[in-house]
Amino acid sequence: MSADNIIYSELFEEFFILTETEKFQPVKAKENPLETNTKITFTGTNKRKTLFVYNDINQLSENDLTMIRNLVVKGIGWSMEDIALINLSENSDTKFEDIRNFFSSEKIIFWGCETFMQENKIPRKVHEVIKGREINILSANMFSFYSDNIEQKKNLWEAMKKIFDRK
């Protein structure tokens, strides 16, 4: 690793990660309503078959979006187009199997979706990766939960590294 190529990226206000070069630039996701048996509204293009599922009537705040961008772009090294964001409040009749089949998901991160997970019989162990044959699932708290909690940010980042096979 050459000193000229080292980039210090702020993952959270308190944490930084070191990378040699910046792999991707953040890309603003577009609204892509698509039809299956159920209408599923989402943002992103899901290039890497990875879903971020949340449930928020008020939509994501700028702080939430910044945290997501930091995790995806700076932490994982992907672009925002590599994932899809699904707001369950916009997809109220959608079941887990609808989401999984429509997106051919390999990784799903549920952000504060306790009720949805319980209704769909998905085990919920916060910050623990549940590995299946075809899909890995991570349950996290709502985005805002992490805003002022350094210890929880550490726990989240460790879990994110596991689901994305990062060291």
N, C-alpha and C. Protein backbone atom coordinates (compact mmCIF):
# COMPACT_ATOMS: atom_id res chain seq x y z
N MET A 1 0.85 -1.16 0.00
CA MET A 1 0.00 0.00 0.00
C MET A 1 0.89 1.22 0.00
N SER A 2 0.89 1.98 -1.05
CA SER A 2 1.68 3.19 -1.19
C SER A 2 1.01 4.32 -0.42
N ALA A 3 1.83 5.14 0.25
CA ALA A 3 1.30 6.26 1.03
C ALA A 3 0.56 7.25 0.14
N ASP A 4 0.91 7.35 -1.13
CA ASP A 4 0.25 8.27 -2.04
C ASP A 4 -1.19 7.84 -2.37
N ASN A 5 -1.46 6.54 -2.27
CA ASN A 5 -2.76 6.02 -2.66
C ASN A 5 -3.71 5.79 -1.49
N ILE A 6 -3.28 6.09 -0.27
CA ILE A 6 -4.11 5.83 0.91
C ILE A 6 -5.17 6.89 1.04
N ILE A 7 -6.40 6.43 1.24
CA ILE A 7 -7.52 7.33 1.45
C ILE A 7 -8.13 7.01 2.80
N TYR A 8 -8.32 8.02 3.63
CA TYR A 8 -9.00 7.87 4.90
C TYR A 8 -10.44 8.27 4.68
N SER A 9 -11.35 7.35 4.91
CA SER A 9 -12.77 7.62 4.68
C SER A 9 -13.50 7.59 6.01
N GLU A 10 -14.35 8.58 6.22
CA GLU A 10 -15.14 8.63 7.44
C GLU A 10 -16.33 7.71 7.28
N LEU A 11 -16.36 6.63 8.08
CA LEU A 11 -17.47 5.70 8.04
C LEU A 11 -18.61 6.25 8.89
N PHE A 12 -18.32 6.59 10.10
CA PHE A 12 -19.21 7.31 11.00
C PHE A 12 -18.38 8.49 11.49
N GLU A 13 -18.95 9.39 12.23
CA GLU A 13 -18.19 10.52 12.74
C GLU A 13 -17.01 10.06 13.58
N GLU A 14 -17.15 8.92 14.26
CA GLU A 14 -16.13 8.45 15.18
C GLU A 14 -15.17 7.44 14.57
N PHE A 15 -15.50 6.86 13.41
CA PHE A 15 -14.70 5.79 12.83
C PHE A 15 -14.24 6.14 11.43
N PHE A 16 -13.04 5.71 11.12
CA PHE A 16 -12.50 5.89 9.79
C PHE A 16 -12.04 4.54 9.28
N ILE A 17 -12.05 4.37 7.97
CA ILE A 17 -11.50 3.17 7.37
C ILE A 17 -10.43 3.59 6.38
N LEU A 18 -9.51 2.70 6.13
CA LEU A 18 -8.40 2.96 5.24
C LEU A 18 -8.58 2.16 3.96
N THR A 19 -8.48 2.80 2.82
CA THR A 19 -8.54 2.09 1.55
C THR A 19 -7.44 2.63 0.65
N GLU A 20 -7.05 1.83 -0.33
CA GLU A 20 -6.01 2.29 -1.24
C GLU A 20 -6.54 3.29 -2.24
N THR A 21 -7.66 3.01 -2.84
CA THR A 21 -8.27 3.94 -3.79
C THR A 21 -9.76 3.90 -3.58
N GLU A 22 -10.41 4.94 -3.97
CA GLU A 22 -11.87 4.96 -3.88
C GLU A 22 -12.42 4.20 -5.07
N LYS A 23 -13.16 3.11 -4.82
CA LYS A 23 -13.63 2.24 -5.88
C LYS A 23 -14.84 2.80 -6.62
N PHE A 24 -15.75 3.41 -5.91
CA PHE A 24 -16.99 3.89 -6.50
C PHE A 24 -17.31 5.27 -5.98
N GLN A 25 -18.00 6.02 -6.75
CA GLN A 25 -18.55 7.30 -6.31
C GLN A 25 -20.02 7.07 -5.98
N PRO A 26 -20.55 7.77 -4.97
CA PRO A 26 -21.97 7.60 -4.66
C PRO A 26 -22.85 7.98 -5.86
N VAL A 27 -23.89 7.22 -6.07
CA VAL A 27 -24.81 7.47 -7.17
C VAL A 27 -26.20 7.61 -6.57
N LYS A 28 -26.91 8.66 -6.96
CA LYS A 28 -28.26 8.84 -6.46
C LYS A 28 -29.17 7.78 -7.09
N ALA A 29 -29.85 7.04 -6.25
CA ALA A 29 -30.75 5.99 -6.73
C ALA A 29 -32.01 6.61 -7.30
N LYS A 30 -32.65 5.90 -8.20
CA LYS A 30 -33.87 6.37 -8.84
C LYS A 30 -35.04 5.53 -8.36
N GLU A 31 -36.20 6.11 -8.43
CA GLU A 31 -37.42 5.39 -8.08
C GLU A 31 -37.75 4.43 -9.22
N ASN A 32 -37.93 3.15 -8.91
CA ASN A 32 -38.18 2.15 -9.94
C ASN A 32 -39.37 1.28 -9.57
N PRO A 33 -40.60 1.76 -9.68
CA PRO A 33 -41.72 0.88 -9.38
C PRO A 33 -41.83 -0.21 -10.44
N LEU A 34 -41.90 -1.45 -10.01
CA LEU A 34 -42.00 -2.58 -10.93
C LEU A 34 -43.19 -3.44 -10.54
N GLU A 35 -43.65 -4.23 -11.46
CA GLU A 35 -44.81 -5.08 -11.21
C GLU A 35 -44.40 -6.54 -11.11
N THR A 36 -44.94 -7.22 -10.14
CA THR A 36 -44.93 -8.69 -10.07
C THR A 36 -46.36 -9.04 -9.70
N ASN A 37 -46.54 -10.08 -8.92
CA ASN A 37 -47.88 -10.34 -8.40
C ASN A 37 -48.31 -9.19 -7.51
N THR A 38 -47.34 -8.58 -6.86
CA THR A 38 -47.55 -7.43 -6.00
C THR A 38 -46.68 -6.30 -6.53
N LYS A 39 -47.16 -5.09 -6.44
CA LYS A 39 -46.34 -3.95 -6.85
C LYS A 39 -45.29 -3.71 -5.77
N ILE A 40 -44.02 -3.68 -6.17
CA ILE A 40 -42.93 -3.44 -5.23
C ILE A 40 -42.23 -2.16 -5.66
N THR A 41 -42.25 -1.18 -4.79
CA THR A 41 -41.59 0.09 -5.05
C THR A 41 -40.27 0.11 -4.29
N PHE A 42 -39.19 0.51 -4.97
CA PHE A 42 -37.88 0.52 -4.34
C PHE A 42 -37.00 1.56 -5.02
N THR A 43 -35.85 1.82 -4.44
CA THR A 43 -34.85 2.67 -5.07
C THR A 43 -33.57 1.87 -5.24
N GLY A 44 -32.74 2.26 -6.18
CA GLY A 44 -31.51 1.54 -6.47
C GLY A 44 -31.72 0.59 -7.64
N THR A 45 -30.65 -0.11 -8.02
CA THR A 45 -30.77 -1.05 -9.13
C THR A 45 -30.44 -2.48 -8.74
N ASN A 46 -30.04 -2.70 -7.49
CA ASN A 46 -29.86 -4.06 -6.98
C ASN A 46 -28.85 -4.88 -7.78
N LYS A 47 -27.79 -4.25 -8.26
CA LYS A 47 -26.80 -4.93 -9.09
C LYS A 47 -26.15 -6.11 -8.38
N ARG A 48 -26.02 -6.01 -7.06
CA ARG A 48 -25.35 -7.09 -6.31
C ARG A 48 -26.32 -7.91 -5.46
N LYS A 49 -27.59 -7.87 -5.82
CA LYS A 49 -28.62 -8.69 -5.16
C LYS A 49 -28.60 -8.51 -3.65
N THR A 50 -28.51 -7.25 -3.24
CA THR A 50 -28.46 -6.91 -1.82
C THR A 50 -29.55 -5.89 -1.51
N LEU A 51 -30.37 -6.20 -0.52
CA LEU A 51 -31.50 -5.35 -0.17
C LEU A 51 -31.33 -4.76 1.22
N PHE A 52 -31.68 -3.50 1.34
CA PHE A 52 -31.81 -2.83 2.63
C PHE A 52 -33.30 -2.59 2.79
N VAL A 53 -33.91 -3.24 3.77
CA VAL A 53 -35.35 -3.15 3.99
C VAL A 53 -35.59 -2.37 5.28
N TYR A 54 -36.43 -1.35 5.20
CA TYR A 54 -36.76 -0.55 6.38
C TYR A 54 -38.25 -0.23 6.35
N ASN A 55 -38.74 0.34 7.44
CA ASN A 55 -40.16 0.66 7.53
C ASN A 55 -40.29 2.04 8.16
N ASP A 56 -40.53 3.05 7.34
CA ASP A 56 -40.57 4.42 7.83
C ASP A 56 -41.61 5.22 7.05
N ILE A 57 -42.69 5.59 7.71
CA ILE A 57 -43.75 6.38 7.08
C ILE A 57 -43.21 7.74 6.62
N ASN A 58 -42.30 8.31 7.38
CA ASN A 58 -41.77 9.65 7.09
C ASN A 58 -40.62 9.65 6.09
N GLN A 59 -40.24 8.52 5.56
CA GLN A 59 -39.11 8.37 4.64
C GLN A 59 -37.79 8.55 5.39
N LEU A 60 -36.70 8.41 4.69
CA LEU A 60 -35.38 8.50 5.32
C LEU A 60 -34.96 9.95 5.48
N SER A 61 -34.36 10.24 6.62
CA SER A 61 -33.82 11.59 6.85
C SER A 61 -32.49 11.72 6.13
N GLU A 62 -32.00 12.92 6.03
CA GLU A 62 -30.69 13.14 5.40
C GLU A 62 -29.59 12.42 6.18
N ASN A 63 -29.69 12.39 7.53
CA ASN A 63 -28.72 11.65 8.34
C ASN A 63 -28.77 10.16 8.05
N ASP A 64 -29.97 9.61 7.88
CA ASP A 64 -30.11 8.19 7.54
C ASP A 64 -29.46 7.89 6.19
N LEU A 65 -29.74 8.73 5.21
CA LEU A 65 -29.16 8.54 3.87
C LEU A 65 -27.64 8.66 3.90
N THR A 66 -27.13 9.57 4.69
CA THR A 66 -25.67 9.72 4.82
C THR A 66 -25.07 8.46 5.42
N MET A 67 -25.72 7.92 6.45
CA MET A 67 -25.22 6.70 7.07
C MET A 67 -25.22 5.55 6.08
N ILE A 68 -26.30 5.40 5.31
CA ILE A 68 -26.38 4.33 4.32
C ILE A 68 -25.28 4.50 3.27
N ARG A 69 -25.13 5.72 2.75
CA ARG A 69 -24.08 5.97 1.75
C ARG A 69 -22.70 5.64 2.31
N ASN A 70 -22.43 6.06 3.54
CA ASN A 70 -21.14 5.77 4.16
C ASN A 70 -20.90 4.28 4.29
N LEU A 71 -21.90 3.54 4.74
CA LEU A 71 -21.75 2.10 4.87
C LEU A 71 -21.52 1.43 3.52
N VAL A 72 -22.32 1.80 2.53
CA VAL A 72 -22.24 1.15 1.22
C VAL A 72 -21.01 1.58 0.45
N VAL A 73 -20.80 2.88 0.32
CA VAL A 73 -19.73 3.39 -0.55
C VAL A 73 -18.37 3.34 0.13
N LYS A 74 -18.29 3.89 1.32
CA LYS A 74 -16.99 3.95 2.00
C LYS A 74 -16.65 2.66 2.72
N GLY A 75 -17.64 2.04 3.36
CA GLY A 75 -17.38 0.83 4.13
C GLY A 75 -17.23 -0.41 3.27
N ILE A 76 -18.21 -0.68 2.45
CA ILE A 76 -18.22 -1.90 1.63
C ILE A 76 -17.44 -1.70 0.34
N GLY A 77 -17.43 -0.47 -0.17
CA GLY A 77 -16.71 -0.20 -1.42
C GLY A 77 -17.58 -0.41 -2.65
N TRP A 78 -18.89 -0.34 -2.50
CA TRP A 78 -19.82 -0.47 -3.61
C TRP A 78 -20.38 0.90 -3.96
N SER A 79 -21.25 0.94 -4.96
CA SER A 79 -21.99 2.17 -5.26
C SER A 79 -23.41 1.99 -4.75
N MET A 80 -24.14 3.08 -4.67
CA MET A 80 -25.52 3.00 -4.21
C MET A 80 -26.39 2.21 -5.19
N GLU A 81 -25.98 2.12 -6.44
CA GLU A 81 -26.74 1.33 -7.41
C GLU A 81 -26.57 -0.17 -7.20
N ASP A 82 -25.61 -0.57 -6.39
CA ASP A 82 -25.40 -1.99 -6.14
C ASP A 82 -26.44 -2.58 -5.19
N ILE A 83 -27.18 -1.73 -4.50
CA ILE A 83 -28.18 -2.20 -3.56
C ILE A 83 -29.57 -1.72 -3.99
N ALA A 84 -30.57 -2.25 -3.33
CA ALA A 84 -31.94 -1.73 -3.46
C ALA A 84 -32.42 -1.39 -2.06
N LEU A 85 -33.12 -0.28 -1.95
CA LEU A 85 -33.73 0.14 -0.69
C LEU A 85 -35.24 -0.04 -0.82
N ILE A 86 -35.83 -0.76 0.13
CA ILE A 86 -37.26 -1.02 0.11
C ILE A 86 -37.87 -0.50 1.40
N ASN A 87 -38.84 0.39 1.26
CA ASN A 87 -39.57 0.91 2.41
C ASN A 87 -40.87 0.11 2.53
N LEU A 88 -40.99 -0.64 3.61
CA LEU A 88 -42.18 -1.48 3.80
C LEU A 88 -43.45 -0.65 3.91
N SER A 89 -43.34 0.60 4.37
CA SER A 89 -44.55 1.43 4.47
C SER A 89 -45.12 1.76 3.09
N GLU A 90 -44.31 1.67 2.04
CA GLU A 90 -44.78 1.87 0.67
C GLU A 90 -45.19 0.56 0.01
N ASN A 91 -44.90 -0.54 0.67
CA ASN A 91 -45.17 -1.87 0.14
C ASN A 91 -45.91 -2.69 1.19
N SER A 92 -47.02 -2.17 1.67
CA SER A 92 -47.69 -2.73 2.84
C SER A 92 -48.21 -4.15 2.66
N ASP A 93 -48.56 -4.54 1.46
CA ASP A 93 -49.09 -5.89 1.24
C ASP A 93 -48.02 -6.90 0.84
N THR A 94 -46.80 -6.48 0.78
CA THR A 94 -45.71 -7.34 0.32
C THR A 94 -45.25 -8.29 1.42
N LYS A 95 -45.06 -9.52 1.06
CA LYS A 95 -44.55 -10.55 1.98
C LYS A 95 -43.08 -10.80 1.68
N PHE A 96 -42.42 -11.47 2.62
CA PHE A 96 -40.99 -11.77 2.47
C PHE A 96 -40.70 -12.54 1.19
N GLU A 97 -41.50 -13.54 0.91
CA GLU A 97 -41.27 -14.36 -0.30
C GLU A 97 -41.41 -13.53 -1.58
N ASP A 98 -42.34 -12.56 -1.59
CA ASP A 98 -42.48 -11.67 -2.75
C ASP A 98 -41.18 -10.90 -2.97
N ILE A 99 -40.65 -10.34 -1.90
CA ILE A 99 -39.42 -9.55 -1.99
C ILE A 99 -38.27 -10.44 -2.43
N ARG A 100 -38.12 -11.57 -1.77
CA ARG A 100 -37.00 -12.46 -2.06
C ARG A 100 -37.04 -12.98 -3.51
N ASN A 101 -38.20 -13.39 -3.95
CA ASN A 101 -38.33 -13.92 -5.31
C ASN A 101 -38.16 -12.84 -6.37
N PHE A 102 -38.72 -11.68 -6.13
CA PHE A 102 -38.63 -10.60 -7.10
C PHE A 102 -37.19 -10.15 -7.32
N PHE A 103 -36.43 -10.03 -6.24
CA PHE A 103 -35.07 -9.50 -6.32
C PHE A 103 -33.99 -10.58 -6.43
N SER A 104 -34.33 -11.85 -6.28
CA SER A 104 -33.34 -12.93 -6.23
C SER A 104 -32.23 -12.58 -5.24
N SER A 105 -32.63 -12.20 -4.08
CA SER A 105 -31.72 -11.67 -3.07
C SER A 105 -30.70 -12.69 -2.58
N GLU A 106 -29.50 -12.22 -2.36
CA GLU A 106 -28.46 -13.01 -1.72
C GLU A 106 -28.19 -12.50 -0.31
N LYS A 107 -28.40 -11.18 -0.11
CA LYS A 107 -28.21 -10.56 1.20
C LYS A 107 -29.36 -9.60 1.44
N ILE A 108 -29.95 -9.69 2.65
CA ILE A 108 -30.99 -8.75 3.04
C ILE A 108 -30.65 -8.23 4.43
N ILE A 109 -30.67 -6.92 4.56
CA ILE A 109 -30.49 -6.30 5.86
C ILE A 109 -31.80 -5.62 6.23
N PHE A 110 -32.38 -6.05 7.33
CA PHE A 110 -33.62 -5.47 7.83
C PHE A 110 -33.27 -4.43 8.89
N TRP A 111 -33.74 -3.21 8.69
CA TRP A 111 -33.47 -2.09 9.59
C TRP A 111 -34.74 -1.79 10.38
N GLY A 112 -34.81 -2.30 11.62
CA GLY A 112 -35.94 -2.01 12.48
C GLY A 112 -37.26 -2.58 11.99
N CYS A 113 -37.26 -3.75 11.44
CA CYS A 113 -38.46 -4.36 10.85
C CYS A 113 -38.94 -5.53 11.70
N GLU A 114 -39.00 -5.36 13.02
CA GLU A 114 -39.34 -6.45 13.92
C GLU A 114 -40.68 -7.09 13.58
N THR A 115 -41.70 -6.27 13.39
CA THR A 115 -43.04 -6.79 13.12
C THR A 115 -43.07 -7.58 11.82
N PHE A 116 -42.49 -7.03 10.76
CA PHE A 116 -42.45 -7.71 9.46
C PHE A 116 -41.72 -9.05 9.58
N MET A 117 -40.60 -9.04 10.29
CA MET A 117 -39.82 -10.28 10.44
C MET A 117 -40.62 -11.31 11.23
N GLN A 118 -41.28 -10.89 12.28
CA GLN A 118 -42.09 -11.80 13.08
C GLN A 118 -43.24 -12.37 12.26
N GLU A 119 -43.95 -11.51 11.52
CA GLU A 119 -45.07 -11.96 10.69
C GLU A 119 -44.64 -12.96 9.62
N ASN A 120 -43.41 -12.81 9.14
CA ASN A 120 -42.90 -13.69 8.09
C ASN A 120 -42.00 -14.80 8.62
N LYS A 121 -42.02 -14.98 9.94
CA LYS A 121 -41.27 -16.06 10.61
C LYS A 121 -39.78 -16.05 10.28
N ILE A 122 -39.20 -14.85 10.29
CA ILE A 122 -37.76 -14.69 10.06
C ILE A 122 -37.12 -14.48 11.42
N PRO A 123 -36.16 -15.31 11.80
CA PRO A 123 -35.50 -15.13 13.10
C PRO A 123 -34.85 -13.75 13.18
N ARG A 124 -34.99 -13.10 14.33
CA ARG A 124 -34.42 -11.77 14.50
C ARG A 124 -33.44 -11.77 15.66
N LYS A 125 -32.17 -11.73 15.33
CA LYS A 125 -31.11 -11.59 16.30
C LYS A 125 -30.31 -10.38 15.85
N VAL A 126 -30.48 -9.28 16.55
CA VAL A 126 -29.85 -8.02 16.13
C VAL A 126 -28.34 -8.19 16.04
N HIS A 127 -27.79 -7.75 14.93
CA HIS A 127 -26.35 -7.75 14.63
C HIS A 127 -25.76 -9.15 14.47
N GLU A 128 -26.59 -10.15 14.27
CA GLU A 128 -26.09 -11.49 13.98
C GLU A 128 -26.52 -11.89 12.58
N VAL A 129 -25.58 -12.39 11.81
CA VAL A 129 -25.89 -12.82 10.44
C VAL A 129 -26.48 -14.21 10.49
N ILE A 130 -27.64 -14.36 9.86
CA ILE A 130 -28.27 -15.66 9.73
C ILE A 130 -27.95 -16.15 8.32
N LYS A 131 -27.17 -17.22 8.24
CA LYS A 131 -26.72 -17.72 6.95
C LYS A 131 -27.59 -18.88 6.52
N GLY A 132 -28.13 -18.76 5.32
CA GLY A 132 -28.91 -19.83 4.72
C GLY A 132 -28.16 -20.36 3.51
N ARG A 133 -28.75 -21.33 2.84
CA ARG A 133 -28.11 -21.89 1.65
C ARG A 133 -28.04 -20.87 0.53
N GLU A 134 -29.08 -20.07 0.37
CA GLU A 134 -29.14 -19.14 -0.76
C GLU A 134 -29.16 -17.68 -0.35
N ILE A 135 -29.34 -17.41 0.93
CA ILE A 135 -29.51 -16.02 1.36
C ILE A 135 -28.92 -15.82 2.76
N ASN A 136 -28.34 -14.65 2.98
CA ASN A 136 -27.86 -14.25 4.30
C ASN A 136 -28.70 -13.07 4.75
N ILE A 137 -29.11 -13.10 6.02
CA ILE A 137 -29.97 -12.06 6.56
C ILE A 137 -29.30 -11.45 7.79
N LEU A 138 -29.39 -10.12 7.86
CA LEU A 138 -28.89 -9.39 9.02
C LEU A 138 -30.02 -8.51 9.53
N SER A 139 -30.24 -8.54 10.82
CA SER A 139 -31.23 -7.66 11.44
C SER A 139 -30.49 -6.56 12.19
N ALA A 140 -30.87 -5.33 11.92
CA ALA A 140 -30.29 -4.17 12.60
C ALA A 140 -31.43 -3.32 13.15
N ASN A 141 -31.09 -2.37 13.97
CA ASN A 141 -32.08 -1.44 14.49
C ASN A 141 -32.35 -0.37 13.44
N MET A 142 -33.37 0.46 13.69
CA MET A 142 -33.65 1.58 12.78
C MET A 142 -32.41 2.46 12.65
N PHE A 143 -32.25 3.10 11.53
CA PHE A 143 -31.08 3.94 11.26
C PHE A 143 -30.83 4.95 12.37
N SER A 144 -31.88 5.62 12.83
CA SER A 144 -31.72 6.68 13.83
C SER A 144 -31.18 6.16 15.16
N PHE A 145 -31.34 4.88 15.43
CA PHE A 145 -30.84 4.28 16.67
C PHE A 145 -29.32 4.44 16.79
N TYR A 146 -28.63 4.49 15.68
CA TYR A 146 -27.17 4.51 15.68
C TYR A 146 -26.59 5.92 15.73
N SER A 147 -27.42 6.94 15.61
CA SER A 147 -26.91 8.30 15.46
C SER A 147 -26.00 8.75 16.59
N ASP A 148 -26.32 8.45 17.83
CA ASP A 148 -25.50 8.91 18.95
C ASP A 148 -24.97 7.77 19.81
N ASN A 149 -24.94 6.56 19.29
CA ASN A 149 -24.56 5.41 20.08
C ASN A 149 -23.31 4.75 19.49
N ILE A 150 -22.16 5.13 20.02
CA ILE A 150 -20.88 4.65 19.48
C ILE A 150 -20.76 3.13 19.58
N GLU A 151 -21.14 2.57 20.72
CA GLU A 151 -21.03 1.12 20.91
C GLU A 151 -21.89 0.37 19.90
N GLN A 152 -23.11 0.86 19.65
CA GLN A 152 -23.98 0.22 18.68
C GLN A 152 -23.46 0.37 17.26
N LYS A 153 -22.81 1.49 16.96
CA LYS A 153 -22.19 1.66 15.64
C LYS A 153 -21.10 0.61 15.43
N LYS A 154 -20.32 0.35 16.48
CA LYS A 154 -19.27 -0.68 16.40
C LYS A 154 -19.90 -2.05 16.13
N ASN A 155 -20.96 -2.35 16.88
CA ASN A 155 -21.65 -3.63 16.70
C ASN A 155 -22.22 -3.77 15.29
N LEU A 156 -22.81 -2.69 14.80
CA LEU A 156 -23.36 -2.70 13.44
C LEU A 156 -22.25 -2.93 12.42
N TRP A 157 -21.16 -2.22 12.54
CA TRP A 157 -20.08 -2.35 11.56
C TRP A 157 -19.48 -3.75 11.57
N GLU A 158 -19.32 -4.35 12.74
CA GLU A 158 -18.81 -5.72 12.82
C GLU A 158 -19.76 -6.69 12.11
N ALA A 159 -21.06 -6.50 12.31
CA ALA A 159 -22.05 -7.35 11.64
C ALA A 159 -22.05 -7.13 10.14
N MET A 160 -21.92 -5.86 9.71
CA MET A 160 -21.87 -5.56 8.28
C MET A 160 -20.65 -6.21 7.63
N LYS A 161 -19.53 -6.20 8.31
CA LYS A 161 -18.33 -6.84 7.78
C LYS A 161 -18.55 -8.33 7.60
N LYS A 162 -19.30 -8.96 8.52
CA LYS A 162 -19.55 -10.39 8.40
C LYS A 162 -20.45 -10.72 7.22
N ILE A 163 -21.53 -9.97 7.05
CA ILE A 163 -22.46 -10.29 5.95
C ILE A 163 -21.83 -10.00 4.60
N PHE A 164 -20.89 -9.05 4.54
CA PHE A 164 -20.23 -8.71 3.27
C PHE A 164 -18.84 -9.32 3.16
N ASP A 165 -18.51 -10.25 4.05
CA ASP A 165 -17.22 -10.95 4.02
C ASP A 165 -16.04 -9.99 3.95
N ARG A 166 -16.04 -9.00 4.82
CA ARG A 166 -14.93 -8.03 4.92
C ARG A 166 -14.17 -8.30 6.20
N LYS A 167 -12.90 -7.94 6.20
CA LYS A 167 -12.09 -8.13 7.42
C LYS A 167 -12.00 -6.87 8.21
